[in-house]
Each structure stands twice: as C-alpha cells, then as structure tokens.
N, C-alpha and C. Protein backbone atom coordinates (compact mmCIF):
# COMPACT_ATOMS: atom_id res chain seq x y z
N UNK A 1 -5.78 9.97 7.27
CA UNK A 1 -5.14 9.19 6.23
C UNK A 1 -4.60 10.11 5.13
N UNK A 2 -5.31 11.17 4.84
CA UNK A 2 -4.82 12.10 3.82
C UNK A 2 -3.48 12.70 4.21
N UNK A 3 -3.28 12.91 5.52
CA UNK A 3 -2.02 13.48 5.98
C UNK A 3 -0.87 12.53 5.68
N UNK A 4 -1.07 11.25 5.90
CA UNK A 4 -0.02 10.27 5.64
C UNK A 4 0.34 10.27 4.18
N UNK A 5 -0.67 10.28 3.32
CA UNK A 5 -0.43 10.26 1.88
C UNK A 5 0.31 11.51 1.44
N UNK A 6 -0.11 12.67 1.95
CA UNK A 6 0.53 13.92 1.55
C UNK A 6 1.96 13.99 2.07
N UNK A 7 2.19 13.54 3.29
CA UNK A 7 3.54 13.59 3.85
C UNK A 7 4.48 12.67 3.09
N UNK A 8 4.03 11.49 2.79
CA UNK A 8 4.86 10.52 2.10
C UNK A 8 4.86 10.73 0.59
N UNK A 9 3.95 11.55 0.10
CA UNK A 9 3.77 11.80 -1.33
C UNK A 9 3.54 10.49 -2.09
N UNK A 10 2.74 9.64 -1.48
CA UNK A 10 2.41 8.36 -2.10
C UNK A 10 1.08 8.51 -2.82
N UNK A 11 1.04 8.10 -4.06
CA UNK A 11 -0.20 8.11 -4.80
C UNK A 11 -0.74 6.69 -4.82
N UNK A 12 -1.94 6.53 -4.29
CA UNK A 12 -2.52 5.20 -4.20
C UNK A 12 -2.69 4.59 -5.58
N UNK A 13 -2.99 5.40 -6.57
CA UNK A 13 -3.17 4.87 -7.92
C UNK A 13 -1.94 4.12 -8.40
N UNK A 14 -0.76 4.54 -7.95
CA UNK A 14 0.49 3.90 -8.37
C UNK A 14 0.75 2.60 -7.61
N UNK A 15 -0.01 2.36 -6.55
CA UNK A 15 0.20 1.17 -5.73
C UNK A 15 -0.78 0.04 -6.06
N UNK A 16 -1.74 0.31 -6.94
CA UNK A 16 -2.74 -0.69 -7.31
C UNK A 16 -2.28 -1.40 -8.58
N UNK A 17 -2.27 -2.72 -8.51
CA UNK A 17 -1.84 -3.53 -9.65
C UNK A 17 -3.01 -4.36 -10.16
N UNK A 18 -3.05 -4.58 -11.46
CA UNK A 18 -4.06 -5.46 -12.05
C UNK A 18 -3.42 -6.82 -12.29
N UNK A 19 -3.94 -7.83 -11.61
CA UNK A 19 -3.44 -9.18 -11.76
C UNK A 19 -4.62 -10.09 -12.08
N UNK A 20 -4.57 -10.67 -13.27
CA UNK A 20 -5.64 -11.56 -13.73
C UNK A 20 -7.02 -10.91 -13.60
N UNK A 21 -7.08 -9.63 -13.95
CA UNK A 21 -8.35 -8.93 -13.95
C UNK A 21 -8.81 -8.42 -12.59
N UNK A 22 -7.99 -8.60 -11.56
CA UNK A 22 -8.33 -8.14 -10.22
C UNK A 22 -7.40 -7.00 -9.82
N UNK A 23 -7.96 -6.01 -9.14
CA UNK A 23 -7.12 -4.94 -8.62
C UNK A 23 -6.63 -5.34 -7.24
N UNK A 24 -5.31 -5.30 -7.06
CA UNK A 24 -4.71 -5.72 -5.79
C UNK A 24 -3.67 -4.72 -5.34
N UNK A 25 -3.39 -4.74 -4.03
CA UNK A 25 -2.30 -3.95 -3.45
C UNK A 25 -1.42 -4.89 -2.66
N UNK A 26 -0.13 -4.61 -2.66
CA UNK A 26 0.82 -5.42 -1.90
C UNK A 26 0.72 -5.09 -0.42
N UNK A 27 0.93 -6.10 0.41
CA UNK A 27 0.84 -5.88 1.85
C UNK A 27 1.88 -4.88 2.33
N UNK A 28 3.04 -4.85 1.71
CA UNK A 28 4.07 -3.90 2.11
C UNK A 28 3.65 -2.46 1.81
N UNK A 29 2.95 -2.25 0.70
CA UNK A 29 2.44 -0.92 0.37
C UNK A 29 1.35 -0.49 1.34
N UNK A 30 0.46 -1.41 1.70
CA UNK A 30 -0.58 -1.11 2.67
C UNK A 30 0.02 -0.78 4.04
N UNK A 31 1.04 -1.52 4.42
CA UNK A 31 1.70 -1.26 5.70
C UNK A 31 2.30 0.14 5.73
N UNK A 32 2.89 0.57 4.63
CA UNK A 32 3.44 1.92 4.56
C UNK A 32 2.35 2.97 4.72
N UNK A 33 1.21 2.75 4.06
CA UNK A 33 0.11 3.70 4.13
C UNK A 33 -0.43 3.84 5.55
N UNK A 34 -0.50 2.72 6.26
CA UNK A 34 -1.08 2.71 7.60
C UNK A 34 -0.04 2.83 8.71
N UNK A 35 1.23 2.92 8.34
CA UNK A 35 2.27 3.11 9.33
C UNK A 35 2.50 1.90 10.22
N UNK A 36 2.36 0.71 9.66
CA UNK A 36 2.59 -0.52 10.42
C UNK A 36 3.64 -1.36 9.72
N UNK A 37 3.93 -2.52 10.30
CA UNK A 37 4.88 -3.44 9.69
C UNK A 37 4.13 -4.65 9.15
N UNK A 38 4.73 -5.31 8.19
CA UNK A 38 4.16 -6.56 7.70
C UNK A 38 4.62 -7.70 8.58
N UNK A 39 3.82 -8.76 8.61
CA UNK A 39 4.21 -9.94 9.39
C UNK A 39 4.91 -10.90 8.45
N UNK A 40 5.91 -11.57 8.96
CA UNK A 40 6.63 -12.56 8.17
C UNK A 40 6.36 -13.93 8.74
N UNK A 41 6.09 -14.90 7.85
CA UNK A 41 5.89 -16.27 8.29
C UNK A 41 7.25 -16.92 8.47
N UNK A 42 7.38 -17.65 9.56
CA UNK A 42 8.67 -18.32 9.84
C UNK A 42 8.57 -19.77 9.52
C-alpha cells in the first residue's frame, strides 16, 4: 500500500474529511488508493 501512495503522491491526510464530527473518506478516493473502480447505482 505504501508503494501506491508514494507512486501517486497521495497523502491520506488530505483525503479525510470531518463531517458532523465524524472522519470520513469518499468512496472515489478509497478506490484510487486501492486501484479499483467505484460502483454506480442504476
């Protein structure tokens, strides 16, 4: 996982948002970190 972060130069701290007192990450950001796609509801 460290390799993915270093290659993409993504800082996880910048992807964490505080919403109503909870720390959350967007599914699109998680998908980028793990090298997958997000699912879309039809």
